[in-house]
Amino acid sequence: NDFEKKYIRVSHYERSTRVLGPGNRFA
């Protein structure tokens, strides 16, 4: 609910990468 919402501040995200861990990853 609205009282439990948590937010984070991010700079970027990628839906698919293969260079930051095993296999195809969300980063």
PDB file of all heavy atoms in Angstrom:
ATOM      1  N   ASN A   1       0.832  -1.180   0.000  1.00  0.00           N
ATOM      2  CA  ASN A   1       0.000   0.000   0.000  1.00  0.00           C
ATOM      3  C   ASN A   1       0.876   1.243   0.000  1.00  0.00           C
ATOM      4  O   ASN A   1       2.099   1.158   0.042  1.00  0.00           O
ATOM      5  CB  ASN A   1      -0.953  -0.008   1.211  1.00  0.00           C
ATOM      6  CG  ASN A   1      -0.197  -0.045   2.526  1.00  0.00           C
ATOM      7  OD1 ASN A   1       0.780   0.670   2.716  1.00  0.00           O
ATOM      8  ND2 ASN A   1      -0.649  -0.893   3.446  1.00  0.00           N
ATOM      9  N   ASP A   2       0.258   2.419  -0.027  1.00  0.00           N
ATOM     10  CA  ASP A   2       1.010   3.653  -0.153  1.00  0.00           C
ATOM     11  C   ASP A   2       1.975   3.877   0.999  1.00  0.00           C
ATOM     12  O   ASP A   2       2.993   4.537   0.848  1.00  0.00           O
ATOM     13  CB  ASP A   2       0.049   4.843  -0.259  1.00  0.00           C
ATOM     14  CG  ASP A   2      -0.702   4.853  -1.586  1.00  0.00           C
ATOM     15  OD1 ASP A   2      -0.226   4.173  -2.511  1.00  0.00           O
ATOM     16  OD2 ASP A   2      -1.750   5.523  -1.685  1.00  0.00           O
ATOM     17  N   PHE A   3       1.666   3.315   2.175  1.00  0.00           N
ATOM     18  CA  PHE A   3       2.511   3.531   3.333  1.00  0.00           C
ATOM     19  C   PHE A   3       3.746   2.635   3.307  1.00  0.00           C
ATOM     20  O   PHE A   3       4.667   2.813   4.071  1.00  0.00           O
ATOM     21  CB  PHE A   3       1.711   3.286   4.615  1.00  0.00           C
ATOM     22  CG  PHE A   3       0.583   4.263   4.796  1.00  0.00           C
ATOM     23  CD1 PHE A   3      -0.726   3.899   4.508  1.00  0.00           C
ATOM     24  CD2 PHE A   3       0.832   5.552   5.230  1.00  0.00           C
ATOM     25  CE1 PHE A   3      -1.768   4.804   4.669  1.00  0.00           C
ATOM     26  CE2 PHE A   3      -0.196   6.465   5.390  1.00  0.00           C
ATOM     27  CZ  PHE A   3      -1.501   6.097   5.102  1.00  0.00           C
ATOM     28  N   GLU A   4       3.768   1.645   2.458  1.00  0.00           N
ATOM     29  CA  GLU A   4       4.869   0.690   2.413  1.00  0.00           C
ATOM     30  C   GLU A   4       5.766   0.874   1.195  1.00  0.00           C
ATOM     31  O   GLU A   4       6.738   0.160   1.038  1.00  0.00           O
ATOM     32  CB  GLU A   4       4.314  -0.742   2.418  1.00  0.00           C
ATOM     33  CG  GLU A   4       3.549  -1.101   3.676  1.00  0.00           C
ATOM     34  CD  GLU A   4       2.893  -2.459   3.588  1.00  0.00           C
ATOM     35  OE1 GLU A   4       2.494  -2.845   2.461  1.00  0.00           O
ATOM     36  OE2 GLU A   4       2.772  -3.141   4.607  1.00  0.00           O
ATOM     37  N   LYS A   5       5.434   1.821   0.359  1.00  0.00           N
ATOM     38  CA  LYS A   5       6.214   1.999  -0.866  1.00  0.00           C
ATOM     39  C   LYS A   5       7.647   2.418  -0.543  1.00  0.00           C
ATOM     40  O   LYS A   5       7.877   3.272   0.306  1.00  0.00           O
ATOM     41  CB  LYS A   5       5.559   3.047  -1.759  1.00  0.00           C
ATOM     42  CG  LYS A   5       4.288   2.570  -2.434  1.00  0.00           C
ATOM     43  CD  LYS A   5       3.717   3.641  -3.358  1.00  0.00           C
ATOM     44  CE  LYS A   5       2.464   3.142  -4.066  1.00  0.00           C
ATOM     45  NZ  LYS A   5       1.889   4.179  -4.950  1.00  0.00           N
ATOM     46  N   LYS A   6       8.581   1.811  -1.223  1.00  0.00           N
ATOM     47  CA  LYS A   6       9.983   2.178  -1.077  1.00  0.00           C
ATOM     48  C   LYS A   6      10.515   2.627  -2.428  1.00  0.00           C
ATOM     49  O   LYS A   6      10.140   2.093  -3.477  1.00  0.00           O
ATOM     50  CB  LYS A   6      10.799   1.000  -0.554  1.00  0.00           C
ATOM     51  CG  LYS A   6      10.585   0.697   0.927  1.00  0.00           C
ATOM     52  CD  LYS A   6      11.562  -0.361   1.401  1.00  0.00           C
ATOM     53  CE  LYS A   6      11.495  -0.518   2.916  1.00  0.00           C
ATOM     54  NZ  LYS A   6      10.210  -1.034   3.364  1.00  0.00           N
ATOM     55  N   TYR A   7      11.396   3.596  -2.390  1.00  0.00           N
ATOM     56  CA  TYR A   7      11.985   4.135  -3.607  1.00  0.00           C
ATOM     57  C   TYR A   7      13.505   4.036  -3.536  1.00  0.00           C
ATOM     58  O   TYR A   7      14.093   4.062  -2.454  1.00  0.00           O
ATOM     59  CB  TYR A   7      11.585   5.605  -3.799  1.00  0.00           C
ATOM     60  CG  TYR A   7      10.118   5.815  -4.084  1.00  0.00           C
ATOM     61  CD1 TYR A   7       9.185   5.832  -3.047  1.00  0.00           C
ATOM     62  CD2 TYR A   7       9.653   5.971  -5.388  1.00  0.00           C
ATOM     63  CE1 TYR A   7       7.831   6.006  -3.308  1.00  0.00           C
ATOM     64  CE2 TYR A   7       8.305   6.152  -5.652  1.00  0.00           C
ATOM     65  CZ  TYR A   7       7.396   6.173  -4.607  1.00  0.00           C
ATOM     66  OH  TYR A   7       6.061   6.343  -4.869  1.00  0.00           O
ATOM     67  N   ILE A   8      14.116   3.905  -4.682  1.00  0.00           N
ATOM     68  CA  ILE A   8      15.569   3.970  -4.777  1.00  0.00           C
ATOM     69  C   ILE A   8      15.931   4.980  -5.855  1.00  0.00           C
ATOM     70  O   ILE A   8      15.143   5.247  -6.769  1.00  0.00           O
ATOM     71  CB  ILE A   8      16.198   2.597  -5.101  1.00  0.00           C
ATOM     72  CG1 ILE A   8      15.571   1.990  -6.361  1.00  0.00           C
ATOM     73  CG2 ILE A   8      16.109   1.658  -3.925  1.00  0.00           C
ATOM     74  CD1 ILE A   8      16.219   0.698  -6.808  1.00  0.00           C
ATOM     75  N   ARG A   9      17.116   5.538  -5.724  1.00  0.00           N
ATOM     76  CA  ARG A   9      17.613   6.465  -6.739  1.00  0.00           C
ATOM     77  C   ARG A   9      18.602   5.699  -7.608  1.00  0.00           C
ATOM     78  O   ARG A   9      19.572   5.124  -7.102  1.00  0.00           O
ATOM     79  CB  ARG A   9      18.277   7.673  -6.085  1.00  0.00           C
ATOM     80  CG  ARG A   9      18.738   8.746  -7.080  1.00  0.00           C
ATOM     81  CD  ARG A   9      19.095  10.041  -6.376  1.00  0.00           C
ATOM     82  NE  ARG A   9      17.889  10.712  -5.891  1.00  0.00           N
ATOM     83  CZ  ARG A   9      17.155  11.527  -6.635  1.00  0.00           C
ATOM     84  NH1 ARG A   9      17.496  11.778  -7.893  1.00  0.00           N
ATOM     85  NH2 ARG A   9      16.091  12.101  -6.128  1.00  0.00           N
ATOM     86  N   VAL A  10      18.340   5.662  -8.897  1.00  0.00           N
ATOM     87  CA  VAL A  10      19.181   4.911  -9.828  1.00  0.00           C
ATOM     88  C   VAL A  10      19.730   5.844 -10.899  1.00  0.00           C
ATOM     89  O   VAL A  10      19.186   6.925 -11.139  1.00  0.00           O
ATOM     90  CB  VAL A  10      18.396   3.750 -10.485  1.00  0.00           C
ATOM     91  CG1 VAL A  10      17.823   2.821  -9.429  1.00  0.00           C
ATOM     92  CG2 VAL A  10      17.295   4.269 -11.398  1.00  0.00           C
ATOM     93  N   SER A  11      20.794   5.398 -11.521  1.00  0.00           N
ATOM     94  CA  SER A  11      21.350   6.170 -12.629  1.00  0.00           C
ATOM     95  C   SER A  11      21.026   5.541 -13.972  1.00  0.00           C
ATOM     96  O   SER A  11      20.926   6.236 -14.990  1.00  0.00           O
ATOM     97  CB  SER A  11      22.876   6.297 -12.485  1.00  0.00           C
ATOM     98  OG  SER A  11      23.493   5.022 -12.506  1.00  0.00           O
ATOM     99  N   HIS A  12      20.807   4.221 -13.968  1.00  0.00           N
ATOM    100  CA  HIS A  12      20.641   3.532 -15.255  1.00  0.00           C
ATOM    101  C   HIS A  12      20.159   2.106 -14.994  1.00  0.00           C
ATOM    102  O   HIS A  12      20.382   1.546 -13.922  1.00  0.00           O
ATOM    103  CB  HIS A  12      21.993   3.496 -15.986  1.00  0.00           C
ATOM    104  CG  HIS A  12      21.914   3.038 -17.410  1.00  0.00           C
ATOM    105  ND1 HIS A  12      21.467   3.830 -18.439  1.00  0.00           N
ATOM    106  CD2 HIS A  12      22.229   1.840 -17.976  1.00  0.00           C
ATOM    107  CE1 HIS A  12      21.520   3.164 -19.577  1.00  0.00           C
ATOM    108  NE2 HIS A  12      21.964   1.951 -19.322  1.00  0.00           N
ATOM    109  N   TYR A  13      19.508   1.529 -15.996  1.00  0.00           N
ATOM    110  CA  TYR A  13      19.223   0.103 -15.960  1.00  0.00           C
ATOM    111  C   TYR A  13      19.298  -0.429 -17.390  1.00  0.00           C
ATOM    112  O   TYR A  13      19.116   0.295 -18.365  1.00  0.00           O
ATOM    113  CB  TYR A  13      17.864  -0.207 -15.328  1.00  0.00           C
ATOM    114  CG  TYR A  13      16.667   0.236 -16.134  1.00  0.00           C
ATOM    115  CD1 TYR A  13      16.141  -0.570 -17.153  1.00  0.00           C
ATOM    116  CD2 TYR A  13      16.050   1.457 -15.884  1.00  0.00           C
ATOM    117  CE1 TYR A  13      15.047  -0.157 -17.899  1.00  0.00           C
ATOM    118  CE2 TYR A  13      14.958   1.877 -16.625  1.00  0.00           C
ATOM    119  CZ  TYR A  13      14.463   1.064 -17.631  1.00  0.00           C
ATOM    120  OH  TYR A  13      13.388   1.474 -18.372  1.00  0.00           O
ATOM    121  N   GLU A  14      19.601  -1.692 -17.499  1.00  0.00           N
ATOM    122  CA  GLU A  14      19.644  -2.378 -18.787  1.00  0.00           C
ATOM    123  C   GLU A  14      18.851  -3.668 -18.674  1.00  0.00           C
ATOM    124  O   GLU A  14      19.033  -4.429 -17.730  1.00  0.00           O
ATOM    125  CB  GLU A  14      21.083  -2.709 -19.193  1.00  0.00           C
ATOM    126  CG  GLU A  14      21.880  -1.543 -19.699  1.00  0.00           C
ATOM    127  CD  GLU A  14      21.409  -1.032 -21.062  1.00  0.00           C
ATOM    128  OE1 GLU A  14      20.871  -1.855 -21.834  1.00  0.00           O
ATOM    129  OE2 GLU A  14      21.587   0.159 -21.331  1.00  0.00           O
ATOM    130  N   ARG A  15      17.993  -3.909 -19.649  1.00  0.00           N
ATOM    131  CA  ARG A  15      17.174  -5.123 -19.622  1.00  0.00           C
ATOM    132  C   ARG A  15      17.953  -6.361 -20.051  1.00  0.00           C
ATOM    133  O   ARG A  15      17.523  -7.484 -19.773  1.00  0.00           O
ATOM    134  CB  ARG A  15      15.950  -4.951 -20.522  1.00  0.00           C
ATOM    135  CG  ARG A  15      14.960  -3.911 -20.016  1.00  0.00           C
ATOM    136  CD  ARG A  15      13.742  -3.845 -20.927  1.00  0.00           C
ATOM    137  NE  ARG A  15      12.786  -2.841 -20.507  1.00  0.00           N
ATOM    138  CZ  ARG A  15      11.810  -3.034 -19.636  1.00  0.00           C
ATOM    139  NH1 ARG A  15      11.666  -4.232 -19.084  1.00  0.00           N
ATOM    140  NH2 ARG A  15      10.982  -2.055 -19.308  1.00  0.00           N
ATOM    141  N   SER A  16      19.084  -6.166 -20.715  1.00  0.00           N
ATOM    142  CA  SER A  16      19.834  -7.319 -21.198  1.00  0.00           C
ATOM    143  C   SER A  16      21.311  -6.995 -21.322  1.00  0.00           C
ATOM    144  O   SER A  16      21.692  -6.075 -22.046  1.00  0.00           O
ATOM    145  CB  SER A  16      19.292  -7.764 -22.570  1.00  0.00           C
ATOM    146  OG  SER A  16      20.059  -8.814 -23.117  1.00  0.00           O
ATOM    147  N   THR A  17      22.136  -7.726 -20.581  1.00  0.00           N
ATOM    148  CA  THR A  17      23.585  -7.610 -20.723  1.00  0.00           C
ATOM    149  C   THR A  17      24.213  -8.957 -20.404  1.00  0.00           C
ATOM    150  O   THR A  17      23.701  -9.723 -19.572  1.00  0.00           O
ATOM    151  CB  THR A  17      24.168  -6.531 -19.795  1.00  0.00           C
ATOM    152  OG1 THR A  17      25.601  -6.511 -19.954  1.00  0.00           O
ATOM    153  CG2 THR A  17      23.837  -6.796 -18.341  1.00  0.00           C
ATOM    154  N   ARG A  18      25.340  -9.215 -21.033  1.00  0.00           N
ATOM    155  CA  ARG A  18      26.062 -10.470 -20.818  1.00  0.00           C
ATOM    156  C   ARG A  18      27.470 -10.236 -20.275  1.00  0.00           C
ATOM    157  O   ARG A  18      28.300 -11.152 -20.304  1.00  0.00           O
ATOM    158  CB  ARG A  18      26.133 -11.277 -22.116  1.00  0.00           C
ATOM    159  CG  ARG A  18      24.787 -11.812 -22.573  1.00  0.00           C
ATOM    160  CD  ARG A  18      24.899 -12.700 -23.802  1.00  0.00           C
ATOM    161  NE  ARG A  18      23.634 -13.316 -24.140  1.00  0.00           N
ATOM    162  CZ  ARG A  18      23.179 -14.465 -23.628  1.00  0.00           C
ATOM    163  NH1 ARG A  18      23.923 -15.121 -22.751  1.00  0.00           N
ATOM    164  NH2 ARG A  18      22.008 -14.962 -23.986  1.00  0.00           N
ATOM    165  N   VAL A  19      27.746  -9.042 -19.778  1.00  0.00           N
ATOM    166  CA  VAL A  19      29.117  -8.744 -19.334  1.00  0.00           C
ATOM    167  C   VAL A  19      29.202  -8.432 -17.842  1.00  0.00           C
ATOM    168  O   VAL A  19      30.277  -8.106 -17.340  1.00  0.00           O
ATOM    169  CB  VAL A  19      29.715  -7.570 -20.146  1.00  0.00           C
ATOM    170  CG1 VAL A  19      29.805  -7.936 -21.623  1.00  0.00           C
ATOM    171  CG2 VAL A  19      28.925  -6.283 -19.946  1.00  0.00           C
ATOM    172  N   LEU A  20      28.104  -8.524 -17.120  1.00  0.00           N
ATOM    173  CA  LEU A  20      28.107  -8.238 -15.678  1.00  0.00           C
ATOM    174  C   LEU A  20      27.528  -9.400 -14.889  1.00  0.00           C
ATOM    175  O   LEU A  20      26.590  -9.248 -14.119  1.00  0.00           O
ATOM    176  CB  LEU A  20      27.318  -6.960 -15.384  1.00  0.00           C
ATOM    177  CG  LEU A  20      28.096  -5.639 -15.455  1.00  0.00           C
ATOM    178  CD1 LEU A  20      27.183  -4.466 -15.131  1.00  0.00           C
ATOM    179  CD2 LEU A  20      29.293  -5.639 -14.507  1.00  0.00           C
ATOM    180  N   GLY A  21      28.118 -10.560 -15.107  1.00  0.00           N
ATOM    181  CA  GLY A  21      27.659 -11.748 -14.410  1.00  0.00           C
ATOM    182  C   GLY A  21      27.328 -12.873 -15.362  1.00  0.00           C
ATOM    183  O   GLY A  21      27.341 -12.694 -16.589  1.00  0.00           O
ATOM    184  N   PRO A  22      27.031 -14.047 -14.832  1.00  0.00           N
ATOM    185  CA  PRO A  22      26.761 -15.220 -15.670  1.00  0.00           C
ATOM    186  C   PRO A  22      25.481 -15.069 -16.501  1.00  0.00           C
ATOM    187  O   PRO A  22      24.441 -14.640 -15.992  1.00  0.00           O
ATOM    188  CB  PRO A  22      26.599 -16.352 -14.646  1.00  0.00           C
ATOM    189  CG  PRO A  22      27.270 -15.853 -13.405  1.00  0.00           C
ATOM    190  CD  PRO A  22      27.049 -14.380 -13.399  1.00  0.00           C
ATOM    191  N   GLY A  23      25.569 -15.404 -17.765  1.00  0.00           N
ATOM    192  CA  GLY A  23      24.386 -15.433 -18.620  1.00  0.00           C
ATOM    193  C   GLY A  23      23.839 -14.066 -18.969  1.00  0.00           C
ATOM    194  O   GLY A  23      24.490 -13.029 -18.782  1.00  0.00           O
ATOM    195  N   ASN A  24      22.624 -14.074 -19.497  1.00  0.00           N
ATOM    196  CA  ASN A  24      21.948 -12.834 -19.866  1.00  0.00           C
ATOM    197  C   ASN A  24      21.249 -12.262 -18.641  1.00  0.00           C
ATOM    198  O   ASN A  24      20.497 -12.968 -17.962  1.00  0.00           O
ATOM    199  CB  ASN A  24      20.927 -13.117 -20.973  1.00  0.00           C
ATOM    200  CG  ASN A  24      20.361 -11.847 -21.569  1.00  0.00           C
ATOM    201  OD1 ASN A  24      21.064 -10.858 -21.734  1.00  0.00           O
ATOM    202  ND2 ASN A  24      19.086 -11.855 -21.896  1.00  0.00           N
ATOM    203  N   ARG A  25      21.467 -10.951 -18.354  1.00  0.00           N
ATOM    204  CA  ARG A  25      21.025 -10.408 -17.084  1.00  0.00           C
ATOM    205  C   ARG A  25      20.364  -9.041 -17.219  1.00  0.00           C
ATOM    206  O   ARG A  25      20.690  -8.269 -18.124  1.00  0.00           O
ATOM    207  CB  ARG A  25      22.220 -10.278 -16.114  1.00  0.00           C
ATOM    208  CG  ARG A  25      23.069 -11.534 -16.024  1.00  0.00           C
ATOM    209  CD  ARG A  25      24.203 -11.396 -15.043  1.00  0.00           C
ATOM    210  NE  ARG A  25      23.740 -11.335 -13.665  1.00  0.00           N
ATOM    211  CZ  ARG A  25      23.347 -12.397 -12.969  1.00  0.00           C
ATOM    212  NH1 ARG A  25      23.371 -13.603 -13.515  1.00  0.00           N
ATOM    213  NH2 ARG A  25      22.942 -12.272 -11.725  1.00  0.00           N
ATOM    214  N   PHE A  26      19.455  -8.765 -16.304  1.00  0.00           N
ATOM    215  CA  PHE A  26      18.943  -7.414 -16.083  1.00  0.00           C
ATOM    216  C   PHE A  26      19.932  -6.750 -15.132  1.00  0.00           C
ATOM    217  O   PHE A  26      20.300  -7.324 -14.110  1.00  0.00           O
ATOM    218  CB  PHE A  26      17.552  -7.471 -15.449  1.00  0.00           C
ATOM    219  CG  PHE A  26      16.843  -6.144 -15.376  1.00  0.00           C
ATOM    220  CD1 PHE A  26      15.772  -5.879 -16.214  1.00  0.00           C
ATOM    221  CD2 PHE A  26      17.223  -5.170 -14.462  1.00  0.00           C
ATOM    222  CE1 PHE A  26      15.091  -4.662 -16.146  1.00  0.00           C
ATOM    223  CE2 PHE A  26      16.561  -3.956 -14.385  1.00  0.00           C
ATOM    224  CZ  PHE A  26      15.490  -3.693 -15.231  1.00  0.00           C
ATOM    225  N   ALA A  27      20.358  -5.527 -15.448  1.00  0.00           N
ATOM    226  CA  ALA A  27      21.316  -4.826 -14.585  1.00  0.00           C
ATOM    227  C   ALA A  27      20.777  -3.464 -14.204  1.00  0.00           C
ATOM    228  O   ALA A  27      20.150  -2.773 -15.018  1.00  0.00           O
ATOM    229  CB  ALA A  27      22.660  -4.668 -15.291  1.00  0.00           C
TER     230      ALA A  27
END
